[in-house]
C-alpha atoms as a PDB file:
ATOM      1  CA  MET A   1     200.289 204.587  62.277  1.00  0.00           C
ATOM      2  CA  ARG A   2     198.256 201.528  63.626  1.00  0.00           C
ATOM      3  CA  SER A   3     197.628 199.229  60.946  1.00  0.00           C
ATOM      4  CA  LYS A   4     194.131 198.623  59.893  1.00  0.00           C
ATOM      5  CA  ILE A   5     193.438 195.131  60.049  1.00  0.00           C
ATOM      6  CA  VAL A   6     190.320 192.604  59.003  1.00  0.00           C
ATOM      7  CA  ALA A   7     191.225 188.805  59.993  1.00  0.00           C
ATOM      8  CA  GLY A   8     189.041 186.054  58.909  1.00  0.00           C
ATOM      9  CA  ASN A   9     189.593 182.885  61.439  1.00  0.00           C
ATOM     10  CA  TRP A  10     187.956 180.196  59.291  1.00  0.00           C
ATOM     11  CA  LYS A  11     188.164 177.437  62.230  1.00  0.00           C
ATOM     12  CA  MET A  12     187.617 173.938  61.337  1.00  0.00           C
ATOM     13  CA  ASN A  13     185.571 174.934  58.162  1.00  0.00           C
ATOM     14  CA  LYS A  14     185.562 174.112  54.389  1.00  0.00           C
ATOM     15  CA  THR A  15     186.890 171.653  52.533  1.00  0.00           C
ATOM     16  CA  LEU A  16     189.723 172.270  50.108  1.00  0.00           C
ATOM     17  CA  THR A  17     187.443 172.901  47.323  1.00  0.00           C
ATOM     18  CA  GLU A  18     185.228 175.211  49.061  1.00  0.00           C
ATOM     19  CA  ALA A  19     188.330 176.870  50.723  1.00  0.00           C
ATOM     20  CA  ASN A  20     189.782 177.521  47.122  1.00  0.00           C
ATOM     21  CA  ALA A  21     186.480 179.137  45.695  1.00  0.00           C
ATOM     22  CA  LEU A  22     186.207 181.308  49.037  1.00  0.00           C
ATOM     23  CA  ALA A  23     189.788 182.801  49.026  1.00  0.00           C
ATOM     24  CA  SER A  24     189.278 183.468  45.227  1.00  0.00           C
ATOM     25  CA  GLU A  25     185.862 185.157  45.720  1.00  0.00           C
ATOM     26  CA  ILE A  26     187.223 186.939  48.665  1.00  0.00           C
ATOM     27  CA  MET A  27     190.363 188.191  46.326  1.00  0.00           C
ATOM     28  CA  GLY A  28     188.333 189.268  43.802  1.00  0.00           C
ATOM     29  CA  MET A  29     185.848 191.410  45.226  1.00  0.00           C
ATOM     30  CA  VAL A  30     188.952 192.967  47.469  1.00  0.00           C
ATOM     31  CA  SER A  31     190.597 193.700  44.873  1.00  0.00           C
ATOM     32  CA  ASP A  32     187.512 195.238  42.596  1.00  0.00           C
ATOM     33  CA  GLU A  33     185.685 197.060  45.691  1.00  0.00           C
ATOM     34  CA  VAL A  34     188.069 197.985  48.267  1.00  0.00           C
ATOM     35  CA  THR A  35     189.848 200.851  48.609  1.00  0.00           C
ATOM     36  CA  GLY A  36     191.918 202.395  51.810  1.00  0.00           C
ATOM     37  CA  ASP A  37     194.662 200.889  53.551  1.00  0.00           C
ATOM     38  CA  VAL A  38     193.459 197.794  55.231  1.00  0.00           C
ATOM     39  CA  LYS A  39     195.236 194.566  55.744  1.00  0.00           C
ATOM     40  CA  VAL A  40     193.167 191.149  55.159  1.00  0.00           C
ATOM     41  CA  ILE A  41     194.320 187.766  56.524  1.00  0.00           C
ATOM     42  CA  PHE A  42     192.708 184.766  55.893  1.00  0.00           C
ATOM     43  CA  CYS A  43     193.459 182.396  59.227  1.00  0.00           C
ATOM     44  CA  THR A  44     192.963 179.134  57.561  1.00  0.00           C
ATOM     45  CA  PRO A  45     192.911 175.412  58.909  1.00  0.00           C
ATOM     46  CA  PHE A  46     196.534 174.003  58.708  1.00  0.00           C
ATOM     47  CA  PRO A  47     196.198 171.692  55.771  1.00  0.00           C
ATOM     48  CA  TYR A  48     195.244 174.705  53.478  1.00  0.00           C
ATOM     49  CA  LEU A  49     197.788 177.032  54.377  1.00  0.00           C
ATOM     50  CA  LEU A  50     200.184 176.113  51.372  1.00  0.00           C
ATOM     51  CA  THR A  51     197.529 175.987  48.891  1.00  0.00           C
ATOM     52  CA  ILE A  52     195.731 179.374  49.514  1.00  0.00           C
ATOM     53  CA  ARG A  53     199.074 180.981  50.119  1.00  0.00           C
ATOM     54  CA  ASN A  54     200.029 179.939  46.539  1.00  0.00           C
ATOM     55  CA  LEU A  55     196.553 181.088  45.426  1.00  0.00           C
ATOM     56  CA  LEU A  56     197.344 184.316  47.313  1.00  0.00           C
ATOM     57  CA  GLY A  57     201.099 184.827  45.163  1.00  0.00           C
ATOM     58  CA  ASN A  58     201.996 188.229  45.600  1.00  0.00           C
ATOM     59  CA  ASN A  59     198.915 189.891  46.421  1.00  0.00           C
ATOM     60  CA  ALA A  60     199.747 193.136  48.513  1.00  0.00           C
ATOM     61  CA  ARG A  61     196.237 193.610  50.473  1.00  0.00           C
ATOM     62  CA  VAL A  62     195.686 189.723  51.447  1.00  0.00           C
ATOM     63  CA  GLU A  63     198.167 187.532  53.628  1.00  0.00           C
ATOM     64  CA  ILE A  64     197.322 184.381  55.042  1.00  0.00           C
ATOM     65  CA  GLY A  65     197.934 183.084  58.841  1.00  0.00           C
ATOM     66  CA  ALA A  66     197.514 179.958  60.961  1.00  0.00           C
ATOM     67  CA  GLN A  67     194.744 179.663  63.838  1.00  0.00           C
ATOM     68  CA  ASN A  68     197.714 178.158  66.435  1.00  0.00           C
ATOM     69  CA  CYS A  69     201.057 176.739  66.787  1.00  0.00           C
ATOM     70  CA  SER A  70     202.832 174.471  69.196  1.00  0.00           C
ATOM     71  CA  GLU A  71     205.116 176.003  72.196  1.00  0.00           C
ATOM     72  CA  HIS A  72     207.822 172.989  71.096  1.00  0.00           C
ATOM     73  CA  GLU A  73     210.242 173.973  68.633  1.00  0.00           C
ATOM     74  CA  ALA A  74     210.468 170.371  66.833  1.00  0.00           C
ATOM     75  CA  GLY A  75     210.183 166.596  68.039  1.00  0.00           C
ATOM     76  CA  ALA A  76     207.883 163.790  69.094  1.00  0.00           C
ATOM     77  CA  TYR A  77     204.440 165.696  69.316  1.00  0.00           C
ATOM     78  CA  THR A  78     202.431 163.974  66.797  1.00  0.00           C
ATOM     79  CA  GLY A  79     199.530 166.151  65.335  1.00  0.00           C
ATOM     80  CA  GLU A  80     201.110 169.617  66.134  1.00  0.00           C
ATOM     81  CA  VAL A  81     202.909 171.936  64.036  1.00  0.00           C
ATOM     82  CA  SER A  82     205.435 174.384  64.695  1.00  0.00           C
ATOM     83  CA  ALA A  83     206.296 177.737  64.537  1.00  0.00           C
ATOM     84  CA  ALA A  84     209.234 176.710  62.302  1.00  0.00           C
ATOM     85  CA  MET A  85     207.421 174.842  59.827  1.00  0.00           C
ATOM     86  CA  LEU A  86     204.688 177.802  59.289  1.00  0.00           C
ATOM     87  CA  ALA A  87     207.838 180.174  58.671  1.00  0.00           C
ATOM     88  CA  SER A  88     209.255 177.762  55.955  1.00  0.00           C
ATOM     89  CA  MET A  89     205.846 178.132  54.062  1.00  0.00           C
ATOM     90  CA  ASN A  90     205.882 181.918  54.512  1.00  0.00           C
ATOM     91  CA  ILE A  91     203.471 182.135  56.947  1.00  0.00           C
ATOM     92  CA  PRO A  92     203.460 185.683  58.376  1.00  0.00           C
ATOM     93  CA  TYR A  93     200.577 185.462  61.064  1.00  0.00           C
ATOM     94  CA  VAL A  94     199.507 182.980  63.713  1.00  0.00           C
ATOM     95  CA  ILE A  95     196.786 183.125  66.372  1.00  0.00           C
ATOM     96  CA  ILE A  96     197.590 182.620  69.618  1.00  0.00           C
ATOM     97  CA  GLY A  97     195.555 182.323  72.863  1.00  0.00           C
ATOM     98  CA  HIS A  98     192.194 181.913  71.234  1.00  0.00           C
ATOM     99  CA  SER A  99     189.375 181.411  73.635  1.00  0.00           C
ATOM    100  CA  GLU A 100     188.463 178.028  71.973  1.00  0.00           C
ATOM    101  CA  ARG A 101     191.910 176.997  72.636  1.00  0.00           C
ATOM    102  CA  ARG A 102     191.956 178.667  75.747  1.00  0.00           C
ATOM    103  CA  GLN A 103     188.762 176.430  76.447  1.00  0.00           C
ATOM    104  CA  TYR A 104     188.849 173.134  74.939  1.00  0.00           C
ATOM    105  CA  PHE A 105     192.613 172.595  75.271  1.00  0.00           C
ATOM    106  CA  ASN A 106     193.189 174.216  78.549  1.00  0.00           C
ATOM    107  CA  GLU A 107     195.875 176.688  77.616  1.00  0.00           C
ATOM    108  CA  GLY A 108     196.983 179.098  80.002  1.00  0.00           C
ATOM    109  CA  GLY A 109     198.870 182.399  80.300  1.00  0.00           C
ATOM    110  CA  ALA A 110     202.517 180.908  80.511  1.00  0.00           C
ATOM    111  CA  LEU A 111     201.912 178.607  77.969  1.00  0.00           C
ATOM    112  CA  LEU A 112     200.479 181.047  75.901  1.00  0.00           C
ATOM    113  CA  ALA A 113     204.065 183.378  76.420  1.00  0.00           C
ATOM    114  CA  THR A 114     206.163 180.557  75.395  1.00  0.00           C
ATOM    115  CA  LYS A 115     203.713 179.996  72.246  1.00  0.00           C
ATOM    116  CA  VAL A 116     204.108 184.022  71.719  1.00  0.00           C
ATOM    117  CA  ASP A 117     207.818 183.408  72.079  1.00  0.00           C
ATOM    118  CA  VAL A 118     208.560 180.817  69.613  1.00  0.00           C
ATOM    119  CA  ALA A 119     206.329 182.512  67.051  1.00  0.00           C
ATOM    120  CA  LEU A 120     208.375 185.789  67.305  1.00  0.00           C
ATOM    121  CA  LYS A 121     211.471 183.923  66.997  1.00  0.00           C
ATOM    122  CA  HIS A 122     210.805 182.368  63.921  1.00  0.00           C
ATOM    123  CA  GLY A 123     209.224 185.915  62.537  1.00  0.00           C
ATOM    124  CA  LEU A 124     205.724 185.214  62.780  1.00  0.00           C
ATOM    125  CA  THR A 125     203.505 187.844  63.964  1.00  0.00           C
ATOM    126  CA  PRO A 126     201.014 186.796  66.568  1.00  0.00           C
ATOM    127  CA  ILE A 127     197.172 187.590  67.033  1.00  0.00           C
ATOM    128  CA  TYR A 128     196.664 187.401  70.582  1.00  0.00           C
ATOM    129  CA  CYS A 129     193.544 186.868  71.813  1.00  0.00           C
ATOM    130  CA  CYS A 130     192.225 187.919  75.389  1.00  0.00           C
ATOM    131  CA  GLY A 131     188.665 188.040  76.617  1.00  0.00           C
ATOM    132  CA  GLU A 132     186.338 187.210  79.469  1.00  0.00           C
ATOM    133  CA  PRO A 133     183.485 184.740  79.343  1.00  0.00           C
ATOM    134  CA  LEU A 134     179.679 185.715  80.605  1.00  0.00           C
ATOM    135  CA  GLU A 135     180.481 184.884  84.062  1.00  0.00           C
ATOM    136  CA  VAL A 136     183.111 187.272  84.444  1.00  0.00           C
ATOM    137  CA  ARG A 137     181.476 190.152  82.776  1.00  0.00           C
ATOM    138  CA  GLU A 138     178.791 189.749  84.881  1.00  0.00           C
ATOM    139  CA  SER A 139     180.440 189.839  88.221  1.00  0.00           C
ATOM    140  CA  ASN A 140     182.162 193.244  86.953  1.00  0.00           C
ATOM    141  CA  GLY A 141     185.423 191.152  86.815  1.00  0.00           C
ATOM    142  CA  HIS A 142     186.435 191.996  82.730  1.00  0.00           C
ATOM    143  CA  GLU A 143     188.576 194.571  83.382  1.00  0.00           C
ATOM    144  CA  SER A 144     190.797 192.826  85.536  1.00  0.00           C
ATOM    145  CA  LEU A 145     191.024 189.480  83.788  1.00  0.00           C
ATOM    146  CA  VAL A 146     191.829 190.678  80.496  1.00  0.00           C
ATOM    147  CA  LYS A 147     194.754 192.783  82.053  1.00  0.00           C
ATOM    148  CA  LYS A 148     195.710 189.723  83.483  1.00  0.00           C
ATOM    149  CA  GLN A 149     195.773 187.698  80.364  1.00  0.00           C
ATOM    150  CA  VAL A 150     197.633 190.393  78.940  1.00  0.00           C
ATOM    151  CA  GLU A 151     200.496 190.993  81.437  1.00  0.00           C
ATOM    152  CA  GLU A 152     200.780 187.333  81.792  1.00  0.00           C
ATOM    153  CA  SER A 153     201.576 186.294  78.088  1.00  0.00           C
ATOM    154  CA  LEU A 154     202.830 189.414  76.625  1.00  0.00           C
ATOM    155  CA  PHE A 155     204.332 191.755  79.158  1.00  0.00           C
ATOM    156  CA  HIS A 156     207.709 189.453  79.497  1.00  0.00           C
ATOM    157  CA  LEU A 157     208.516 191.317  75.981  1.00  0.00           C
ATOM    158  CA  ASP A 158     210.593 194.414  75.461  1.00  0.00           C
ATOM    159  CA  GLU A 159     209.608 197.994  73.974  1.00  0.00           C
ATOM    160  CA  GLN A 160     210.400 196.906  70.386  1.00  0.00           C
ATOM    161  CA  THR A 161     209.106 193.069  70.716  1.00  0.00           C
ATOM    162  CA  ILE A 162     205.669 194.297  71.770  1.00  0.00           C
ATOM    163  CA  LYS A 163     205.326 196.213  68.950  1.00  0.00           C
ATOM    164  CA  LYS A 164     205.380 193.373  66.590  1.00  0.00           C
ATOM    165  CA  VAL A 165     202.169 191.802  68.222  1.00  0.00           C
ATOM    166  CA  VAL A 166     198.582 192.168  67.253  1.00  0.00           C
ATOM    167  CA  ILE A 167     196.274 191.749  70.081  1.00  0.00           C
ATOM    168  CA  ALA A 168     192.438 190.756  69.530  1.00  0.00           C
ATOM    169  CA  TYR A 169     189.741 191.425  72.458  1.00  0.00           C
ATOM    170  CA  GLU A 170     187.478 188.810  72.173  1.00  0.00           C
ATOM    171  CA  PRO A 171     184.555 188.609  74.563  1.00  0.00           C
ATOM    172  CA  VAL A 172     183.728 185.018  75.119  1.00  0.00           C
ATOM    173  CA  TRP A 173     180.389 185.448  75.707  1.00  0.00           C
ATOM    174  CA  ALA A 174     180.024 186.995  71.890  1.00  0.00           C
ATOM    175  CA  ILE A 175     181.830 184.560  69.839  1.00  0.00           C
ATOM    176  CA  GLY A 176     179.521 182.350  68.069  1.00  0.00           C
ATOM    177  CA  THR A 177     176.407 183.421  69.680  1.00  0.00           C
ATOM    178  CA  GLY A 178     174.818 185.914  67.692  1.00  0.00           C
ATOM    179  CA  LYS A 179     175.534 188.292  70.831  1.00  0.00           C
ATOM    180  CA  THR A 180     177.773 191.369  70.128  1.00  0.00           C
ATOM    181  CA  ALA A 181     179.421 193.508  72.511  1.00  0.00           C
ATOM    182  CA  SER A 182     177.782 197.179  71.982  1.00  0.00           C
ATOM    183  CA  ALA A 183     180.024 199.560  70.024  1.00  0.00           C
ATOM    184  CA  GLN A 184     181.012 201.433  73.744  1.00  0.00           C
ATOM    185  CA  GLN A 185     181.726 198.530  75.727  1.00  0.00           C
ATOM    186  CA  ALA A 186     183.955 197.221  72.953  1.00  0.00           C
ATOM    187  CA  GLN A 187     185.718 200.829  73.006  1.00  0.00           C
ATOM    188  CA  GLU A 188     185.856 200.586  76.503  1.00  0.00           C
ATOM    189  CA  MET A 189     187.630 197.155  76.527  1.00  0.00           C
ATOM    190  CA  HIS A 190     190.180 198.517  73.758  1.00  0.00           C
ATOM    191  CA  ALA A 191     190.861 201.565  76.139  1.00  0.00           C
ATOM    192  CA  VAL A 192     191.261 199.404  79.024  1.00  0.00           C
ATOM    193  CA  ILE A 193     193.661 197.528  76.985  1.00  0.00           C
ATOM    194  CA  ARG A 194     195.687 200.519  75.356  1.00  0.00           C
ATOM    195  CA  LYS A 195     196.222 202.125  78.703  1.00  0.00           C
ATOM    196  CA  HIS A 196     197.331 199.241  80.620  1.00  0.00           C
ATOM    197  CA  LEU A 197     200.244 198.738  77.420  1.00  0.00           C
ATOM    198  CA  ALA A 198     200.793 202.397  77.762  1.00  0.00           C
ATOM    199  CA  GLY A 199     201.207 201.758  81.801  1.00  0.00           C
ATOM    200  CA  LYS A 200     204.146 199.195  80.936  1.00  0.00           C
ATOM    201  CA  TYR A 201     205.799 200.573  77.797  1.00  0.00           C
ATOM    202  CA  GLY A 202     204.790 204.482  77.343  1.00  0.00           C
ATOM    203  CA  GLN A 203     202.154 205.716  75.024  1.00  0.00           C
ATOM    204  CA  ALA A 204     203.913 205.838  72.057  1.00  0.00           C
ATOM    205  CA  VAL A 205     204.194 202.073  71.759  1.00  0.00           C
ATOM    206  CA  SER A 206     200.684 201.191  73.149  1.00  0.00           C
ATOM    207  CA  ASP A 207     199.334 203.827  70.302  1.00  0.00           C
ATOM    208  CA  SER A 208     201.281 201.782  67.608  1.00  0.00           C
ATOM    209  CA  ILE A 209     199.693 198.426  68.557  1.00  0.00           C
ATOM    210  CA  SER A 210     196.855 197.117  66.554  1.00  0.00           C
ATOM    211  CA  ILE A 211     193.561 196.048  68.721  1.00  0.00           C
ATOM    212  CA  LEU A 212     191.117 194.148  66.929  1.00  0.00           C
ATOM    213  CA  TYR A 213     187.308 193.351  67.967  1.00  0.00           C
ATOM    214  CA  GLY A 214     186.268 189.396  67.889  1.00  0.00           C
ATOM    215  CA  GLY A 215     182.862 188.613  68.508  1.00  0.00           C
ATOM    216  CA  SER A 216     180.033 187.817  66.113  1.00  0.00           C
ATOM    217  CA  VAL A 217     181.262 191.010  63.553  1.00  0.00           C
ATOM    218  CA  ASN A 218     178.873 190.892  61.242  1.00  0.00           C
ATOM    219  CA  ALA A 219     178.184 193.557  58.163  1.00  0.00           C
ATOM    220  CA  ALA A 220     175.365 195.259  60.169  1.00  0.00           C
ATOM    221  CA  ASN A 221     177.521 196.242  63.133  1.00  0.00           C
ATOM    222  CA  ALA A 222     181.423 196.412  61.485  1.00  0.00           C
ATOM    223  CA  LYS A 223     181.061 200.298  60.543  1.00  0.00           C
ATOM    224  CA  GLU A 224     180.057 201.059  64.383  1.00  0.00           C
ATOM    225  CA  LEU A 225     182.621 199.067  65.706  1.00  0.00           C
ATOM    226  CA  PHE A 226     185.666 199.794  63.585  1.00  0.00           C
ATOM    227  CA  ALA A 227     184.559 203.787  63.816  1.00  0.00           C
ATOM    228  CA  CYS A 228     185.328 203.465  67.773  1.00  0.00           C
ATOM    229  CA  ALA A 229     188.958 205.274  68.615  1.00  0.00           C
ATOM    230  CA  ASP A 230     190.572 202.146  69.731  1.00  0.00           C
ATOM    231  CA  VAL A 231     189.357 199.418  67.662  1.00  0.00           C
ATOM    232  CA  ASP A 232     191.773 198.548  64.685  1.00  0.00           C
ATOM    233  CA  GLY A 233     189.898 195.943  63.161  1.00  0.00           C
ATOM    234  CA  GLY A 234     188.474 192.603  63.407  1.00  0.00           C
ATOM    235  CA  LEU A 235     189.387 189.101  64.021  1.00  0.00           C
ATOM    236  CA  VAL A 236     185.866 187.802  62.341  1.00  0.00           C
ATOM    237  CA  GLY A 237     184.750 184.154  62.635  1.00  0.00           C
ATOM    238  CA  GLY A 238     181.660 183.029  61.235  1.00  0.00           C
ATOM    239  CA  ALA A 239     181.018 186.097  58.980  1.00  0.00           C
ATOM    240  CA  SER A 240     184.526 185.203  57.609  1.00  0.00           C
ATOM    241  CA  LEU A 241     183.189 181.927  55.680  1.00  0.00           C
ATOM    242  CA  LYS A 242     180.632 184.265  53.622  1.00  0.00           C
ATOM    243  CA  SER A 243     182.428 186.142  50.679  1.00  0.00           C
ATOM    244  CA  ARG A 244     180.008 188.969  50.265  1.00  0.00           C
ATOM    245  CA  GLU A 245     179.279 189.524  53.898  1.00  0.00           C
ATOM    246  CA  PHE A 246     182.964 189.563  54.604  1.00  0.00           C
ATOM    247  CA  VAL A 247     183.923 191.969  52.219  1.00  0.00           C
ATOM    248  CA  GLU A 248     180.963 194.070  53.356  1.00  0.00           C
ATOM    249  CA  ILE A 249     182.941 193.855  56.797  1.00  0.00           C
ATOM    250  CA  ILE A 250     186.004 194.765  55.030  1.00  0.00           C
ATOM    251  CA  LYS A 251     184.744 198.045  53.392  1.00  0.00           C
ATOM    252  CA  SER A 252     183.370 199.147  56.998  1.00  0.00           C
ATOM    253  CA  ILE A 253     187.116 199.925  58.085  1.00  0.00           C
END
């Protein structure tokens, strides 16, 4: 059975004091209010990873992830953070290929395939992001683009390894814009991704992979989105910075 996951991508937000407060508030609410088998992940800025991980302790419900990692194992790459460094701190998850990394840092499919490989080599679970910008959606090229993104960065993996990856579909036109794909649009694209995976790896493997929706998820739309057959949770941006709203999203799954 696929894991249900709600991951909060904090992006470049919060001071350390604010981050500690946010994590503590959410942990308390999750403990008091959340039932059911849902995994919660805090994807925090690099400087806070160890502090927040230690704050979580042995919490079985809430885990931590990084927002990126280098494609390089080690070396003279000032400012970069390696997968080995993350693994040494027991950080289990890492976001790979977020649209902001693709857009602002020109990360393409071949590079992201290398990042996926290095993350997996060190025992990290990649949360691999894919999705189309508005002009591609409007020209009806979204399905072919997203399938290409999945192919070029994941299809080199074998059947056993691909099952270690979480995929996040994030329509770029809905990130931070207040626009959200309708539940029907989200389900259609998640079904396209799952069918594409099944064509490569078989239905059983495809059915074991969690596919999250990311793109202005909030407390008002989460329940409808998460009710879709192929939507296994969310990669949440701005709403993950508000403890009450984020917990309401978690409770919607």
